[in-house]
Amino acid sequence: MIGLIKMIPATDSPYAYLVKSIENLIEEHRLEQKLQAHRMAEAHYGT
C-alpha cells in the first residue's frame, strides 16, 4: 500500500487514483486465480 501511495501522480483526485489502482489489483488477482483454477481442472480432468 505504501508503495502505491508513493507512486500516485499529481492529479485532481489522488484518492480516486488510489481506489482505482486497488480495484485493478483486485481484478488482476481474481483473473490469476481463475486461470490457475482452470489449469488445475485441465490437469485433473484432461482436455
Protein backbone atom coordinates (compact mmCIF):
# COMPACT_ATOMS: atom_id res chain seq x y z
CA MET A 1 0.00 0.00 0.00
CA ILE A 2 2.76 2.42 0.88
CA GLY A 3 4.36 1.77 -2.50
CA LEU A 4 1.09 2.59 -4.25
CA ILE A 5 0.66 5.79 -2.27
CA LYS A 6 4.18 6.92 -3.14
CA MET A 7 3.52 6.28 -6.84
CA ILE A 8 0.37 8.43 -7.03
CA PRO A 9 0.95 11.14 -9.63
CA ALA A 10 -0.13 14.72 -9.05
CA THR A 11 -3.79 14.50 -10.04
CA ASP A 12 -7.01 16.30 -9.21
CA SER A 13 -8.15 13.30 -7.20
CA PRO A 14 -5.37 11.22 -5.67
CA TYR A 15 -7.95 9.27 -3.64
CA ALA A 16 -9.80 8.22 -6.81
CA TYR A 17 -6.49 7.20 -8.39
CA LEU A 18 -5.62 5.10 -5.34
CA VAL A 19 -9.03 3.43 -5.26
CA LYS A 20 -8.87 2.63 -8.97
CA SER A 21 -5.36 1.20 -8.56
CA ILE A 22 -6.56 -1.07 -5.76
CA GLU A 23 -9.57 -2.16 -7.81
CA ASN A 24 -7.25 -3.02 -10.71
CA LEU A 25 -5.01 -5.08 -8.43
CA ILE A 26 -8.01 -6.96 -7.04
CA GLU A 27 -9.29 -7.71 -10.56
CA GLU A 28 -5.84 -8.85 -11.68
CA HIS A 29 -5.61 -11.18 -8.69
CA ARG A 30 -9.11 -12.55 -9.40
CA LEU A 31 -8.20 -13.29 -13.01
CA GLU A 32 -4.97 -15.01 -11.94
CA GLN A 33 -6.94 -17.22 -9.54
CA LYS A 34 -9.44 -18.07 -12.26
CA LEU A 35 -6.65 -19.03 -14.67
CA GLN A 36 -4.98 -21.17 -12.01
CA ALA A 37 -8.26 -22.96 -11.27
CA HIS A 38 -8.75 -23.59 -14.99
CA ARG A 39 -5.25 -25.06 -15.30
CA MET A 40 -5.82 -27.27 -12.27
CA ALA A 41 -9.12 -28.53 -13.73
CA GLU A 42 -7.46 -29.28 -17.06
CA ALA A 43 -4.68 -31.18 -15.29
CA HIS A 44 -7.20 -33.15 -13.23
CA TYR A 45 -9.83 -33.88 -15.87
CA GLY A 46 -7.74 -33.64 -19.03
CA THR A 47 -8.70 -31.77 -22.17
